[in-house]
C-alpha atoms as a PDB file:
ATOM      1  CA  UNK A   1      -0.050  -0.081  -0.027  1.00  0.00           C
ATOM      2  CA  UNK A   2       1.260   3.504  -0.928  1.00  0.00           C
ATOM      3  CA  UNK A   3       1.643   6.318   1.523  1.00  0.00           C
ATOM      4  CA  UNK A   4      -0.814   8.298  -0.306  1.00  0.00           C
ATOM      5  CA  UNK A   5      -3.485   5.554   0.266  1.00  0.00           C
ATOM      6  CA  UNK A   6      -2.769   5.506   3.992  1.00  0.00           C
ATOM      7  CA  UNK A   7      -2.524   9.302   4.520  1.00  0.00           C
ATOM      8  CA  UNK A   8      -5.600  11.325   5.779  1.00  0.00           C
ATOM      9  CA  UNK A   9      -6.392  14.638   4.268  1.00  0.00           C
ATOM     10  CA  UNK A  10      -8.325  17.599   5.475  1.00  0.00           C
ATOM     11  CA  UNK A  11     -11.404  18.333   3.458  1.00  0.00           C
ATOM     12  CA  UNK A  12     -14.083  21.050   4.075  1.00  0.00           C
ATOM     13  CA  UNK A  13     -17.548  20.131   4.644  1.00  0.00           C
ATOM     14  CA  UNK A  14     -18.638  22.989   2.612  1.00  0.00           C
ATOM     15  CA  UNK A  15     -16.573  25.108   0.028  1.00  0.00           C
ATOM     16  CA  UNK A  16     -17.983  28.245   1.550  1.00  0.00           C
ATOM     17  CA  UNK A  17     -15.502  27.681   4.402  1.00  0.00           C
ATOM     18  CA  UNK A  18     -12.624  28.520   2.114  1.00  0.00           C
ATOM     19  CA  UNK A  19     -12.028  32.231   2.268  1.00  0.00           C
ATOM     20  CA  UNK A  20      -8.370  32.637   1.534  1.00  0.00           C
ATOM     21  CA  UNK A  21      -6.796  35.337  -0.404  1.00  0.00           C
ATOM     22  CA  UNK A  22      -7.598  35.780  -4.269  1.00  0.00           C
ATOM     23  CA  UNK A  23      -4.743  37.951  -5.378  1.00  0.00           C
ATOM     24  CA  UNK A  24      -1.339  39.349  -4.373  1.00  0.00           C
ATOM     25  CA  UNK A  25       1.694  37.300  -2.908  1.00  0.00           C
ATOM     26  CA  UNK A  26       1.103  34.597  -0.363  1.00  0.00           C
ATOM     27  CA  UNK A  27       3.830  32.984   1.659  1.00  0.00           C
ATOM     28  CA  UNK A  28       2.887  29.522   2.960  1.00  0.00           C
ATOM     29  CA  UNK A  29       4.317  28.352   6.260  1.00  0.00           C
ATOM     30  CA  UNK A  30       6.727  25.650   6.432  1.00  0.00           C
ATOM     31  CA  UNK A  31       4.435  22.854   7.487  1.00  0.00           C
ATOM     32  CA  UNK A  32       2.537  23.300   4.178  1.00  0.00           C
ATOM     33  CA  UNK A  33       5.465  23.960   1.884  1.00  0.00           C
ATOM     34  CA  UNK A  34       8.960  23.147   2.947  1.00  0.00           C
ATOM     35  CA  UNK A  35      10.540  23.842  -0.560  1.00  0.00           C
ATOM     36  CA  UNK A  36      12.713  26.811  -1.402  1.00  0.00           C
ATOM     37  CA  UNK A  37       9.666  28.469  -3.342  1.00  0.00           C
ATOM     38  CA  UNK A  38       7.094  28.900  -0.641  1.00  0.00           C
ATOM     39  CA  UNK A  39       5.936  32.261  -1.976  1.00  0.00           C
ATOM     40  CA  UNK A  40       3.332  32.502  -4.621  1.00  0.00           C
ATOM     41  CA  UNK A  41       1.991  35.279  -6.668  1.00  0.00           C
ATOM     42  CA  UNK A  42      -1.796  34.473  -6.964  1.00  0.00           C
ATOM     43  CA  UNK A  43      -2.179  36.713 -10.005  1.00  0.00           C
ATOM     44  CA  UNK A  44       0.033  34.109 -11.982  1.00  0.00           C
ATOM     45  CA  UNK A  45      -2.235  31.304 -12.799  1.00  0.00           C
ATOM     46  CA  UNK A  46       0.588  28.746 -12.752  1.00  0.00           C
ATOM     47  CA  UNK A  47       1.706  29.851  -9.290  1.00  0.00           C
ATOM     48  CA  UNK A  48      -1.830  29.977  -8.097  1.00  0.00           C
ATOM     49  CA  UNK A  49      -2.364  26.396  -9.235  1.00  0.00           C
ATOM     50  CA  UNK A  50       0.909  25.137  -7.737  1.00  0.00           C
ATOM     51  CA  UNK A  51      -0.017  26.683  -4.359  1.00  0.00           C
ATOM     52  CA  UNK A  52      -3.494  25.256  -4.362  1.00  0.00           C
ATOM     53  CA  UNK A  53      -2.075  21.707  -5.145  1.00  0.00           C
ATOM     54  CA  UNK A  54       0.480  22.099  -2.134  1.00  0.00           C
ATOM     55  CA  UNK A  55      -2.183  23.333   0.134  1.00  0.00           C
ATOM     56  CA  UNK A  56      -4.631  20.689  -0.691  1.00  0.00           C
ATOM     57  CA  UNK A  57      -2.081  17.981  -0.405  1.00  0.00           C
ATOM     58  CA  UNK A  58      -0.362  19.094   2.866  1.00  0.00           C
ATOM     59  CA  UNK A  59      -2.971  20.837   5.038  1.00  0.00           C
ATOM     60  CA  UNK A  60      -3.906  18.992   8.014  1.00  0.00           C
ATOM     61  CA  UNK A  61      -6.687  21.238   9.230  1.00  0.00           C
ATOM     62  CA  UNK A  62      -9.761  23.126   8.080  1.00  0.00           C
ATOM     63  CA  UNK A  63      -7.953  26.359   9.295  1.00  0.00           C
ATOM     64  CA  UNK A  64      -5.100  25.797   6.888  1.00  0.00           C
ATOM     65  CA  UNK A  65      -7.517  25.338   4.015  1.00  0.00           C
ATOM     66  CA  UNK A  66      -9.723  28.298   4.936  1.00  0.00           C
ATOM     67  CA  UNK A  67      -6.614  30.482   5.389  1.00  0.00           C
ATOM     68  CA  UNK A  68      -5.076  29.914   1.833  1.00  0.00           C
ATOM     69  CA  UNK A  69      -7.958  28.622  -0.456  1.00  0.00           C
ATOM     70  CA  UNK A  70     -10.769  30.419  -1.893  1.00  0.00           C
ATOM     71  CA  UNK A  71     -13.937  28.612  -2.947  1.00  0.00           C
ATOM     72  CA  UNK A  72     -14.694  30.305  -6.319  1.00  0.00           C
ATOM     73  CA  UNK A  73     -11.050  30.272  -7.238  1.00  0.00           C
ATOM     74  CA  UNK A  74     -10.779  26.546  -6.512  1.00  0.00           C
ATOM     75  CA  UNK A  75     -13.887  25.754  -8.485  1.00  0.00           C
ATOM     76  CA  UNK A  76     -12.338  27.631 -11.383  1.00  0.00           C
ATOM     77  CA  UNK A  77      -9.041  25.904 -11.396  1.00  0.00           C
ATOM     78  CA  UNK A  78     -10.105  22.462 -10.007  1.00  0.00           C
ATOM     79  CA  UNK A  79      -9.939  20.786 -13.463  1.00  0.00           C
ATOM     80  CA  UNK A  80      -6.396  21.952 -13.906  1.00  0.00           C
ATOM     81  CA  UNK A  81      -4.910  20.826 -10.585  1.00  0.00           C
ATOM     82  CA  UNK A  82      -2.624  17.923 -10.537  1.00  0.00           C
ATOM     83  CA  UNK A  83      -3.767  15.912  -7.434  1.00  0.00           C
ATOM     84  CA  UNK A  84      -3.378  12.263  -6.335  1.00  0.00           C
ATOM     85  CA  UNK A  85      -6.461  10.380  -7.532  1.00  0.00           C
ATOM     86  CA  UNK A  86      -7.651   9.516  -4.046  1.00  0.00           C
ATOM     87  CA  UNK A  87      -7.390  13.223  -2.978  1.00  0.00           C
ATOM     88  CA  UNK A  88      -9.451  14.263  -6.011  1.00  0.00           C
ATOM     89  CA  UNK A  89     -12.108  11.699  -5.371  1.00  0.00           C
ATOM     90  CA  UNK A  90     -12.374  12.634  -1.584  1.00  0.00           C
ATOM     91  CA  UNK A  91     -12.764  16.386  -2.437  1.00  0.00           C
ATOM     92  CA  UNK A  92     -15.364  15.560  -5.038  1.00  0.00           C
ATOM     93  CA  UNK A  93     -17.253  13.198  -2.835  1.00  0.00           C
ATOM     94  CA  UNK A  94     -17.543  16.048  -0.167  1.00  0.00           C
ATOM     95  CA  UNK A  95     -18.022  18.994  -2.590  1.00  0.00           C
ATOM     96  CA  UNK A  96     -20.324  18.366  -5.595  1.00  0.00           C
ATOM     97  CA  UNK A  97     -19.487  21.705  -7.227  1.00  0.00           C
ATOM     98  CA  UNK A  98     -15.935  20.389  -7.881  1.00  0.00           C
ATOM     99  CA  UNK A  99     -17.327  17.426 -10.032  1.00  0.00           C
ATOM    100  CA  UNK A 100     -19.307  19.811 -12.149  1.00  0.00           C
ATOM    101  CA  UNK A 101     -16.178  22.011 -12.546  1.00  0.00           C
ATOM    102  CA  UNK A 102     -13.825  18.996 -13.681  1.00  0.00           C
END
């Protein structure tokens, strides 16, 4: 069994809980992004997507998700995010709006 299959992921009960920033530069804390590039310009679609992928994969709490993700932005970019299959299924099972966006 792979690590990704055993791991637990934070997922909101409702996308409306996600009220993070929608523009500007965001610096992720080390527990979410320990890479050298932990600062993201949300006005750059590629950087925004990368930050969303990292937060979704690494967040261990609803607080982390709410602080860095925005519901409307997530729905808009969902189909372009590169996520493990089990993470995508888990999020889509809890948030039907993402299924429609994919």
